[in-house]
Amino acid sequence: MFTKIISIASLIASIQAGFLSAPAAIATHGVSIGHAYAAPAYAAAPAYAAAPALLKAAPAVDYVAYPKYEFKYGVADGHTGDQKTQSEVRDGDVVKGSYSLVEPDGTIRTVSYSADDHNGFNAVVTRAGHASHPATPIAVAPKVIAAPAYAAPVSLGHAVASPYAYGGYLKG
C-alpha cells in the first residue's frame, strides 16, 4: 500500500512540475546592407536603314569532292623487332592496298585487299618464310614423396589416473 501512495505522489509531483525544457539558444542576425553599383545606363541603339531585299537567292552548291588519295609507310624498329609496311590507293569508290608484318614465329604475313561497289571487300592473305619455333626445355618437377604418417594407437577403454598424482588421496 505504501508503494501505491509513493507512486501516486510522484505522479502528481511530475504533473505539477510541467515540462522542463532546456534553455533556448539565442541567435540574432544582423541586417546586411548591400553595397552595389548602380546599373550602367545605355544609350539607345543607333538606327540603321533596312537591308535591301534580295530579288534572287544564290543557288546552293552541292559540291562533293572526288575522293582520290594514295599513301605508303613502313616501320623497321631494330630495338623492338617491329617490322611492317602498308600502302593504299583510292580512286573514287575503288580502294586497293596491302600491308605486311613479321609474325612472332618469323613468317611474313602479307594481306592484299581491294574494295569497290561491285565486288565488295576482298582480301588475300599470304605467308612467306618458314615458321621457326625455338625448342624450349621442358622442366620436370621433382617428385616429392611424403613421409609416412602413423596413426595413434587404438584405445580400448579409459585409462585410470594414478592416485599418487593428486595430493588429496594421500591424506587419510
N, C-alpha and C. Protein backbone atom coordinates (compact mmCIF):
# COMPACT_ATOMS: atom_id res chain seq x y z
N MET A 1 0.82 -1.18 0.00
CA MET A 1 0.00 0.00 0.00
C MET A 1 0.87 1.25 0.00
N PHE A 2 1.99 1.13 0.72
CA PHE A 2 2.89 2.27 0.82
C PHE A 2 3.47 2.62 -0.57
N THR A 3 3.79 1.60 -1.39
CA THR A 3 4.34 1.85 -2.72
C THR A 3 3.32 2.52 -3.62
N LYS A 4 2.03 2.20 -3.44
CA LYS A 4 1.00 2.85 -4.25
C LYS A 4 0.93 4.33 -3.92
N ILE A 5 1.03 4.67 -2.64
CA ILE A 5 0.96 6.08 -2.23
C ILE A 5 2.17 6.84 -2.78
N ILE A 6 3.34 6.23 -2.70
CA ILE A 6 4.55 6.88 -3.22
C ILE A 6 4.43 7.07 -4.73
N SER A 7 3.90 6.07 -5.45
CA SER A 7 3.75 6.16 -6.90
C SER A 7 2.80 7.28 -7.28
N ILE A 8 1.67 7.38 -6.59
CA ILE A 8 0.69 8.43 -6.91
C ILE A 8 1.25 9.80 -6.57
N ALA A 9 1.98 9.91 -5.46
CA ALA A 9 2.56 11.20 -5.06
C ALA A 9 3.61 11.65 -6.08
N SER A 10 4.43 10.72 -6.57
CA SER A 10 5.44 11.10 -7.57
C SER A 10 4.78 11.46 -8.90
N LEU A 11 3.66 10.82 -9.23
CA LEU A 11 2.94 11.15 -10.46
C LEU A 11 2.37 12.56 -10.36
N ILE A 12 1.77 12.89 -9.24
CA ILE A 12 1.19 14.22 -9.06
C ILE A 12 2.29 15.28 -9.06
N ALA A 13 3.43 14.98 -8.45
CA ALA A 13 4.53 15.95 -8.43
C ALA A 13 5.06 16.21 -9.83
N SER A 14 5.16 15.16 -10.64
CA SER A 14 5.65 15.36 -12.00
C SER A 14 4.65 16.11 -12.86
N ILE A 15 3.35 15.91 -12.62
CA ILE A 15 2.34 16.65 -13.38
C ILE A 15 2.37 18.12 -12.99
N GLN A 16 2.53 18.41 -11.72
CA GLN A 16 2.57 19.80 -11.25
C GLN A 16 3.82 20.51 -11.76
N ALA A 17 4.91 19.79 -11.90
CA ALA A 17 6.15 20.42 -12.33
C ALA A 17 6.07 20.88 -13.77
N GLY A 18 5.33 20.18 -14.61
CA GLY A 18 5.22 20.55 -16.03
C GLY A 18 6.43 20.06 -16.82
N PHE A 19 6.50 20.49 -18.05
CA PHE A 19 7.58 20.06 -18.95
C PHE A 19 8.76 20.99 -18.77
N LEU A 20 9.87 20.45 -18.36
CA LEU A 20 11.07 21.25 -18.19
C LEU A 20 11.93 21.09 -19.44
N SER A 21 12.15 22.18 -20.11
CA SER A 21 12.94 22.09 -21.33
C SER A 21 14.30 22.72 -21.12
N ALA A 22 15.16 22.48 -22.04
CA ALA A 22 16.49 23.07 -21.99
C ALA A 22 16.36 24.54 -22.33
N PRO A 23 17.29 25.35 -21.87
CA PRO A 23 17.21 26.78 -22.20
C PRO A 23 17.38 26.98 -23.70
N ALA A 24 16.61 27.92 -24.23
CA ALA A 24 16.63 28.17 -25.66
C ALA A 24 17.90 28.94 -26.03
N ALA A 25 18.48 28.56 -27.16
CA ALA A 25 19.65 29.27 -27.64
C ALA A 25 19.20 30.55 -28.33
N ILE A 26 19.93 31.61 -28.11
CA ILE A 26 19.56 32.90 -28.69
C ILE A 26 20.45 33.12 -29.90
N ALA A 27 19.83 33.36 -31.03
CA ALA A 27 20.57 33.63 -32.25
C ALA A 27 20.03 34.89 -32.87
N THR A 28 20.91 35.80 -33.22
CA THR A 28 20.48 37.04 -33.88
C THR A 28 21.22 37.16 -35.19
N HIS A 29 20.58 37.79 -36.12
CA HIS A 29 21.17 38.01 -37.43
C HIS A 29 21.16 39.49 -37.69
N GLY A 30 22.31 40.01 -37.96
CA GLY A 30 22.40 41.43 -38.23
C GLY A 30 21.83 41.76 -39.61
N VAL A 31 21.44 42.97 -39.78
CA VAL A 31 20.90 43.41 -41.06
C VAL A 31 22.07 43.69 -41.98
N SER A 32 22.07 43.07 -43.15
CA SER A 32 23.15 43.31 -44.09
C SER A 32 22.69 44.35 -45.11
N ILE A 33 23.54 45.28 -45.35
CA ILE A 33 23.23 46.34 -46.31
C ILE A 33 24.06 46.05 -47.55
N GLY A 34 23.39 45.95 -48.68
CA GLY A 34 24.10 45.66 -49.91
C GLY A 34 24.78 46.90 -50.46
N HIS A 35 26.03 46.75 -50.81
CA HIS A 35 26.77 47.86 -51.42
C HIS A 35 26.99 47.48 -52.87
N ALA A 36 26.19 48.00 -53.74
CA ALA A 36 26.30 47.67 -55.15
C ALA A 36 26.33 48.95 -55.97
N TYR A 37 26.89 48.82 -57.14
CA TYR A 37 26.92 49.96 -58.04
C TYR A 37 25.60 50.06 -58.76
N ALA A 38 25.29 51.22 -59.18
CA ALA A 38 24.06 51.42 -59.95
C ALA A 38 24.24 50.79 -61.32
N ALA A 39 23.16 50.31 -61.89
CA ALA A 39 23.22 49.71 -63.21
C ALA A 39 23.67 50.76 -64.22
N PRO A 40 24.56 50.37 -65.14
CA PRO A 40 25.02 51.37 -66.11
C PRO A 40 23.88 51.76 -67.05
N ALA A 41 23.90 52.98 -67.44
CA ALA A 41 22.87 53.48 -68.36
C ALA A 41 23.40 53.34 -69.77
N TYR A 42 22.59 52.83 -70.64
CA TYR A 42 22.97 52.64 -72.03
C TYR A 42 22.23 53.64 -72.90
N ALA A 43 22.90 54.02 -73.95
CA ALA A 43 22.24 54.90 -74.92
C ALA A 43 21.44 54.03 -75.87
N ALA A 44 20.49 54.61 -76.52
CA ALA A 44 19.68 53.88 -77.48
C ALA A 44 20.55 53.43 -78.64
N ALA A 45 20.21 52.28 -79.21
CA ALA A 45 20.97 51.74 -80.33
C ALA A 45 20.79 52.65 -81.53
N PRO A 46 21.87 52.81 -82.30
CA PRO A 46 21.72 53.66 -83.49
C PRO A 46 20.79 53.00 -84.50
N ALA A 47 20.05 53.81 -85.20
CA ALA A 47 19.10 53.31 -86.20
C ALA A 47 19.82 53.18 -87.53
N TYR A 48 19.65 52.04 -88.17
CA TYR A 48 20.24 51.80 -89.48
C TYR A 48 19.12 51.61 -90.48
N ALA A 49 19.46 51.82 -91.71
CA ALA A 49 18.48 51.60 -92.77
C ALA A 49 18.34 50.10 -92.99
N ALA A 50 17.17 49.67 -93.38
CA ALA A 50 16.92 48.26 -93.62
C ALA A 50 17.73 47.79 -94.82
N ALA A 51 18.15 46.52 -94.77
CA ALA A 51 18.92 45.95 -95.88
C ALA A 51 18.01 45.80 -97.09
N PRO A 52 18.55 45.98 -98.29
CA PRO A 52 17.71 45.82 -99.48
C PRO A 52 17.28 44.35 -99.64
N ALA A 53 16.09 44.16 -100.10
CA ALA A 53 15.56 42.81 -100.30
C ALA A 53 16.25 42.16 -101.48
N LEU A 54 16.58 40.87 -101.34
CA LEU A 54 17.22 40.13 -102.44
C LEU A 54 16.16 39.71 -103.44
N LEU A 55 16.44 39.94 -104.66
CA LEU A 55 15.49 39.55 -105.69
C LEU A 55 15.67 38.09 -106.07
N LYS A 56 16.92 37.61 -106.03
CA LYS A 56 17.18 36.23 -106.43
C LYS A 56 18.23 35.65 -105.48
N ALA A 57 17.91 34.50 -104.90
CA ALA A 57 18.85 33.85 -103.99
C ALA A 57 19.92 33.13 -104.78
N ALA A 58 21.11 33.07 -104.21
CA ALA A 58 22.21 32.36 -104.87
C ALA A 58 21.93 30.87 -104.81
N PRO A 59 22.21 30.15 -105.89
CA PRO A 59 21.95 28.71 -105.88
C PRO A 59 22.88 28.00 -104.89
N ALA A 60 22.34 27.00 -104.21
CA ALA A 60 23.13 26.22 -103.27
C ALA A 60 24.07 25.31 -104.04
N VAL A 61 25.31 25.30 -103.64
CA VAL A 61 26.31 24.48 -104.32
C VAL A 61 26.40 23.15 -103.60
N ASP A 62 26.11 22.08 -104.31
CA ASP A 62 26.23 20.74 -103.76
C ASP A 62 27.50 20.13 -104.33
N TYR A 63 28.62 20.48 -103.72
CA TYR A 63 29.90 20.07 -104.24
C TYR A 63 30.44 18.91 -103.42
N VAL A 64 30.68 17.82 -104.04
CA VAL A 64 31.29 16.67 -103.41
C VAL A 64 32.61 16.42 -104.11
N ALA A 65 33.68 16.51 -103.36
CA ALA A 65 35.00 16.33 -103.95
C ALA A 65 35.18 14.87 -104.36
N TYR A 66 35.86 14.68 -105.46
CA TYR A 66 36.15 13.33 -105.94
C TYR A 66 37.20 12.72 -105.02
N PRO A 67 36.88 11.59 -104.36
CA PRO A 67 37.84 11.02 -103.41
C PRO A 67 39.00 10.33 -104.14
N LYS A 68 40.18 10.87 -103.89
CA LYS A 68 41.36 10.27 -104.51
C LYS A 68 42.55 10.55 -103.58
N TYR A 69 43.19 9.45 -103.14
CA TYR A 69 44.37 9.61 -102.31
C TYR A 69 45.27 8.40 -102.49
N GLU A 70 46.48 8.54 -101.97
CA GLU A 70 47.46 7.45 -102.02
C GLU A 70 48.44 7.66 -100.86
N PHE A 71 48.73 6.58 -100.13
CA PHE A 71 49.72 6.70 -99.06
C PHE A 71 50.48 5.39 -98.94
N LYS A 72 51.65 5.52 -98.30
CA LYS A 72 52.51 4.36 -98.10
C LYS A 72 53.43 4.67 -96.92
N TYR A 73 53.62 3.68 -96.05
CA TYR A 73 54.56 3.88 -94.94
C TYR A 73 55.12 2.53 -94.53
N GLY A 74 56.20 2.58 -93.77
CA GLY A 74 56.83 1.37 -93.28
C GLY A 74 57.53 1.64 -91.96
N VAL A 75 57.65 0.60 -91.15
CA VAL A 75 58.32 0.68 -89.85
C VAL A 75 59.32 -0.46 -89.78
N ALA A 76 60.55 -0.14 -89.38
CA ALA A 76 61.57 -1.17 -89.16
C ALA A 76 62.32 -0.77 -87.88
N ASP A 77 61.86 -1.27 -86.75
CA ASP A 77 62.45 -0.94 -85.46
C ASP A 77 63.29 -2.11 -84.99
N GLY A 78 64.61 -1.92 -85.01
CA GLY A 78 65.50 -2.99 -84.60
C GLY A 78 65.48 -3.24 -83.10
N HIS A 79 65.13 -2.23 -82.33
CA HIS A 79 65.12 -2.37 -80.87
C HIS A 79 63.99 -3.29 -80.41
N THR A 80 62.79 -3.09 -80.96
CA THR A 80 61.64 -3.91 -80.55
C THR A 80 61.37 -5.05 -81.51
N GLY A 81 61.98 -5.03 -82.69
CA GLY A 81 61.74 -6.08 -83.67
C GLY A 81 60.46 -5.86 -84.46
N ASP A 82 59.89 -4.68 -84.39
CA ASP A 82 58.64 -4.37 -85.09
C ASP A 82 58.96 -4.02 -86.54
N GLN A 83 58.43 -4.81 -87.47
CA GLN A 83 58.64 -4.55 -88.90
C GLN A 83 57.31 -4.71 -89.61
N LYS A 84 56.87 -3.62 -90.27
CA LYS A 84 55.61 -3.68 -91.01
C LYS A 84 55.60 -2.59 -92.07
N THR A 85 54.77 -2.81 -93.09
CA THR A 85 54.57 -1.83 -94.15
C THR A 85 53.10 -1.80 -94.52
N GLN A 86 52.66 -0.67 -95.06
CA GLN A 86 51.29 -0.56 -95.54
C GLN A 86 51.25 0.44 -96.67
N SER A 87 50.40 0.15 -97.66
CA SER A 87 50.17 1.09 -98.76
C SER A 87 48.72 0.97 -99.18
N GLU A 88 48.15 2.11 -99.62
CA GLU A 88 46.75 2.11 -100.04
C GLU A 88 46.55 3.20 -101.08
N VAL A 89 45.69 2.89 -102.06
CA VAL A 89 45.35 3.82 -103.13
C VAL A 89 43.84 3.85 -103.26
N ARG A 90 43.27 5.06 -103.34
CA ARG A 90 41.83 5.18 -103.55
C ARG A 90 41.61 6.08 -104.75
N ASP A 91 40.75 5.61 -105.65
CA ASP A 91 40.37 6.39 -106.82
C ASP A 91 38.86 6.28 -106.94
N GLY A 92 38.16 7.29 -106.46
CA GLY A 92 36.69 7.23 -106.46
C GLY A 92 36.22 6.28 -105.38
N ASP A 93 35.41 5.30 -105.78
CA ASP A 93 34.90 4.33 -104.82
C ASP A 93 35.68 3.02 -104.85
N VAL A 94 36.83 3.01 -105.48
CA VAL A 94 37.66 1.81 -105.56
C VAL A 94 38.88 2.01 -104.66
N VAL A 95 39.06 1.07 -103.72
CA VAL A 95 40.19 1.13 -102.79
C VAL A 95 41.01 -0.14 -102.97
N LYS A 96 42.32 0.03 -103.12
CA LYS A 96 43.24 -1.11 -103.24
C LYS A 96 44.42 -0.84 -102.31
N GLY A 97 44.87 -1.91 -101.65
CA GLY A 97 46.00 -1.73 -100.77
C GLY A 97 46.55 -3.05 -100.28
N SER A 98 47.60 -2.95 -99.49
CA SER A 98 48.21 -4.14 -98.91
C SER A 98 48.98 -3.72 -97.67
N TYR A 99 49.17 -4.70 -96.79
CA TYR A 99 50.04 -4.48 -95.63
C TYR A 99 50.73 -5.79 -95.31
N SER A 100 51.89 -5.68 -94.69
CA SER A 100 52.64 -6.87 -94.31
C SER A 100 53.28 -6.64 -92.95
N LEU A 101 53.49 -7.75 -92.25
CA LEU A 101 54.10 -7.67 -90.93
C LEU A 101 54.81 -8.97 -90.63
N VAL A 102 55.77 -8.89 -89.71
CA VAL A 102 56.52 -10.07 -89.30
C VAL A 102 55.82 -10.64 -88.07
N GLU A 103 55.40 -11.91 -88.18
CA GLU A 103 54.69 -12.55 -87.07
C GLU A 103 55.69 -13.08 -86.05
N PRO A 104 55.22 -13.43 -84.85
CA PRO A 104 56.14 -13.90 -83.81
C PRO A 104 56.92 -15.16 -84.18
N ASP A 105 56.38 -15.99 -85.08
CA ASP A 105 57.10 -17.21 -85.45
C ASP A 105 58.12 -16.98 -86.56
N GLY A 106 58.28 -15.72 -87.02
CA GLY A 106 59.28 -15.40 -88.03
C GLY A 106 58.75 -15.32 -89.44
N THR A 107 57.53 -15.74 -89.72
CA THR A 107 56.98 -15.65 -91.06
C THR A 107 56.51 -14.23 -91.33
N ILE A 108 56.40 -13.90 -92.61
CA ILE A 108 55.92 -12.58 -93.02
C ILE A 108 54.51 -12.76 -93.58
N ARG A 109 53.55 -12.12 -92.95
CA ARG A 109 52.16 -12.19 -93.41
C ARG A 109 51.89 -10.95 -94.25
N THR A 110 51.37 -11.18 -95.47
CA THR A 110 51.03 -10.09 -96.38
C THR A 110 49.55 -10.20 -96.71
N VAL A 111 48.83 -9.11 -96.56
CA VAL A 111 47.40 -9.06 -96.88
C VAL A 111 47.22 -8.04 -97.98
N SER A 112 46.70 -8.50 -99.12
CA SER A 112 46.36 -7.60 -100.23
C SER A 112 44.85 -7.52 -100.30
N TYR A 113 44.32 -6.32 -100.35
CA TYR A 113 42.87 -6.16 -100.33
C TYR A 113 42.42 -5.16 -101.38
N SER A 114 41.14 -5.28 -101.73
CA SER A 114 40.50 -4.33 -102.64
C SER A 114 39.04 -4.25 -102.26
N ALA A 115 38.45 -3.08 -102.51
CA ALA A 115 37.04 -2.88 -102.19
C ALA A 115 36.45 -1.94 -103.23
N ASP A 116 35.27 -2.31 -103.72
CA ASP A 116 34.53 -1.44 -104.63
C ASP A 116 33.05 -1.75 -104.51
N ASP A 117 32.22 -1.00 -105.23
CA ASP A 117 30.77 -1.18 -105.13
C ASP A 117 30.31 -2.48 -105.77
N HIS A 118 31.02 -2.96 -106.76
CA HIS A 118 30.58 -4.15 -107.49
C HIS A 118 30.97 -5.45 -106.77
N ASN A 119 32.22 -5.56 -106.31
CA ASN A 119 32.72 -6.81 -105.72
C ASN A 119 32.73 -6.81 -104.19
N GLY A 120 32.57 -5.68 -103.56
CA GLY A 120 32.64 -5.62 -102.10
C GLY A 120 34.09 -5.63 -101.64
N PHE A 121 34.33 -6.15 -100.45
CA PHE A 121 35.67 -6.19 -99.88
C PHE A 121 36.26 -7.58 -100.09
N ASN A 122 37.45 -7.64 -100.66
CA ASN A 122 38.14 -8.91 -100.90
C ASN A 122 39.56 -8.78 -100.35
N ALA A 123 39.98 -9.81 -99.63
CA ALA A 123 41.33 -9.82 -99.08
C ALA A 123 41.98 -11.17 -99.36
N VAL A 124 43.26 -11.13 -99.70
CA VAL A 124 44.05 -12.33 -99.95
C VAL A 124 45.22 -12.30 -98.98
N VAL A 125 45.34 -13.36 -98.18
CA VAL A 125 46.39 -13.44 -97.17
C VAL A 125 47.43 -14.45 -97.62
N THR A 126 48.69 -14.06 -97.61
CA THR A 126 49.78 -14.97 -97.95
C THR A 126 50.82 -14.91 -96.84
N ARG A 127 51.53 -16.05 -96.69
CA ARG A 127 52.61 -16.11 -95.70
C ARG A 127 53.89 -16.52 -96.43
N ALA A 128 54.97 -15.85 -96.08
CA ALA A 128 56.26 -16.16 -96.69
C ALA A 128 57.23 -16.55 -95.57
N GLY A 129 58.10 -17.48 -95.88
CA GLY A 129 59.09 -17.91 -94.89
C GLY A 129 58.63 -19.17 -94.18
N HIS A 130 59.51 -19.67 -93.34
CA HIS A 130 59.24 -20.89 -92.60
C HIS A 130 59.14 -20.55 -91.12
N ALA A 131 58.13 -21.09 -90.48
CA ALA A 131 57.93 -20.81 -89.05
C ALA A 131 59.01 -21.49 -88.24
N SER A 132 59.62 -20.75 -87.37
CA SER A 132 60.66 -21.33 -86.51
C SER A 132 60.21 -21.17 -85.06
N HIS A 133 60.11 -22.31 -84.41
CA HIS A 133 59.72 -22.32 -83.01
C HIS A 133 60.93 -22.78 -82.21
N PRO A 134 61.49 -21.93 -81.39
CA PRO A 134 62.67 -22.36 -80.62
C PRO A 134 62.28 -23.45 -79.62
N ALA A 135 63.18 -24.43 -79.52
CA ALA A 135 62.92 -25.54 -78.61
C ALA A 135 63.10 -25.05 -77.17
N THR A 136 62.06 -25.16 -76.43
CA THR A 136 62.14 -24.75 -75.02
C THR A 136 62.30 -26.01 -74.17
N PRO A 137 63.23 -25.98 -73.24
CA PRO A 137 63.40 -27.16 -72.39
C PRO A 137 62.18 -27.33 -71.49
N ILE A 138 61.76 -28.57 -71.37
CA ILE A 138 60.61 -28.87 -70.53
C ILE A 138 61.12 -29.17 -69.13
N ALA A 139 60.71 -28.38 -68.20
CA ALA A 139 61.16 -28.56 -66.82
C ALA A 139 60.29 -29.62 -66.16
N VAL A 140 60.96 -30.61 -65.59
CA VAL A 140 60.25 -31.67 -64.89
C VAL A 140 60.34 -31.39 -63.41
N ALA A 141 59.20 -31.33 -62.78
CA ALA A 141 59.18 -31.05 -61.35
C ALA A 141 59.68 -32.28 -60.59
N PRO A 142 60.51 -32.07 -59.57
CA PRO A 142 60.99 -33.21 -58.79
C PRO A 142 59.83 -33.86 -58.05
N LYS A 143 59.91 -35.19 -57.98
CA LYS A 143 58.84 -35.93 -57.33
C LYS A 143 59.05 -35.87 -55.83
N VAL A 144 58.05 -35.41 -55.14
CA VAL A 144 58.14 -35.28 -53.69
C VAL A 144 57.37 -36.42 -53.07
N ILE A 145 58.06 -37.18 -52.23
CA ILE A 145 57.41 -38.31 -51.55
C ILE A 145 57.20 -37.89 -50.11
N ALA A 146 55.97 -37.96 -49.69
CA ALA A 146 55.63 -37.56 -48.33
C ALA A 146 56.12 -38.61 -47.34
N ALA A 147 56.49 -38.14 -46.16
CA ALA A 147 56.92 -39.05 -45.09
C ALA A 147 55.72 -39.87 -44.63
N PRO A 148 55.93 -41.12 -44.26
CA PRO A 148 54.78 -41.93 -43.84
C PRO A 148 54.16 -41.38 -42.57
N ALA A 149 52.88 -41.44 -42.51
CA ALA A 149 52.14 -40.96 -41.34
C ALA A 149 51.65 -42.17 -40.57
N TYR A 150 51.84 -42.13 -39.27
CA TYR A 150 51.42 -43.24 -38.43
C TYR A 150 50.19 -42.82 -37.65
N ALA A 151 49.26 -43.75 -37.52
CA ALA A 151 48.04 -43.47 -36.76
C ALA A 151 48.31 -43.68 -35.27
N ALA A 152 47.54 -43.02 -34.44
CA ALA A 152 47.65 -43.19 -33.00
C ALA A 152 47.18 -44.59 -32.62
N PRO A 153 47.72 -45.15 -31.55
CA PRO A 153 47.28 -46.50 -31.16
C PRO A 153 45.81 -46.50 -30.77
N VAL A 154 45.19 -47.62 -30.99
CA VAL A 154 43.77 -47.76 -30.69
C VAL A 154 43.60 -47.90 -29.19
N SER A 155 42.68 -47.14 -28.61
CA SER A 155 42.40 -47.21 -27.18
C SER A 155 41.19 -48.09 -26.96
N LEU A 156 41.31 -49.06 -26.07
CA LEU A 156 40.20 -49.97 -25.81
C LEU A 156 39.53 -49.68 -24.48
N GLY A 157 39.58 -48.54 -24.02
CA GLY A 157 38.94 -48.19 -22.74
C GLY A 157 39.54 -46.91 -22.22
N HIS A 158 39.11 -46.48 -21.06
CA HIS A 158 39.62 -45.25 -20.46
C HIS A 158 40.73 -45.61 -19.50
N ALA A 159 41.76 -44.83 -19.50
CA ALA A 159 42.86 -45.07 -18.58
C ALA A 159 42.47 -44.60 -17.19
N VAL A 160 42.98 -45.26 -16.20
CA VAL A 160 42.70 -44.91 -14.81
C VAL A 160 43.84 -44.05 -14.32
N ALA A 161 43.50 -42.90 -13.74
CA ALA A 161 44.52 -41.99 -13.25
C ALA A 161 45.17 -42.56 -11.99
N SER A 162 46.42 -42.27 -11.84
CA SER A 162 47.15 -42.75 -10.67
C SER A 162 46.70 -41.97 -9.45
N PRO A 163 46.46 -42.65 -8.36
CA PRO A 163 46.04 -41.91 -7.15
C PRO A 163 47.17 -41.07 -6.58
N TYR A 164 48.40 -41.31 -6.96
CA TYR A 164 49.52 -40.54 -6.43
C TYR A 164 49.65 -39.19 -7.12
N ALA A 165 48.93 -38.96 -8.22
CA ALA A 165 49.01 -37.69 -8.93
C ALA A 165 48.30 -36.60 -8.17
N TYR A 166 47.38 -36.94 -7.32
CA TYR A 166 46.59 -35.96 -6.59
C TYR A 166 46.95 -36.02 -5.12
N GLY A 167 47.18 -34.90 -4.55
CA GLY A 167 47.57 -34.86 -3.14
C GLY A 167 46.45 -35.22 -2.19
N GLY A 168 45.20 -35.11 -2.64
CA GLY A 168 44.07 -35.38 -1.77
C GLY A 168 43.94 -36.84 -1.41
N TYR A 169 44.52 -37.72 -2.20
CA TYR A 169 44.39 -39.15 -1.93
C TYR A 169 45.36 -39.61 -0.85
N LEU A 170 46.39 -38.84 -0.65
CA LEU A 170 47.39 -39.27 0.31
C LEU A 170 46.97 -38.96 1.74
N LYS A 171 46.07 -38.01 1.88
CA LYS A 171 45.64 -37.66 3.24
C LYS A 171 44.64 -38.71 3.69
N GLY A 172 44.71 -39.04 4.86
CA GLY A 172 43.87 -40.13 5.28
C GLY A 172 42.93 -39.79 6.30
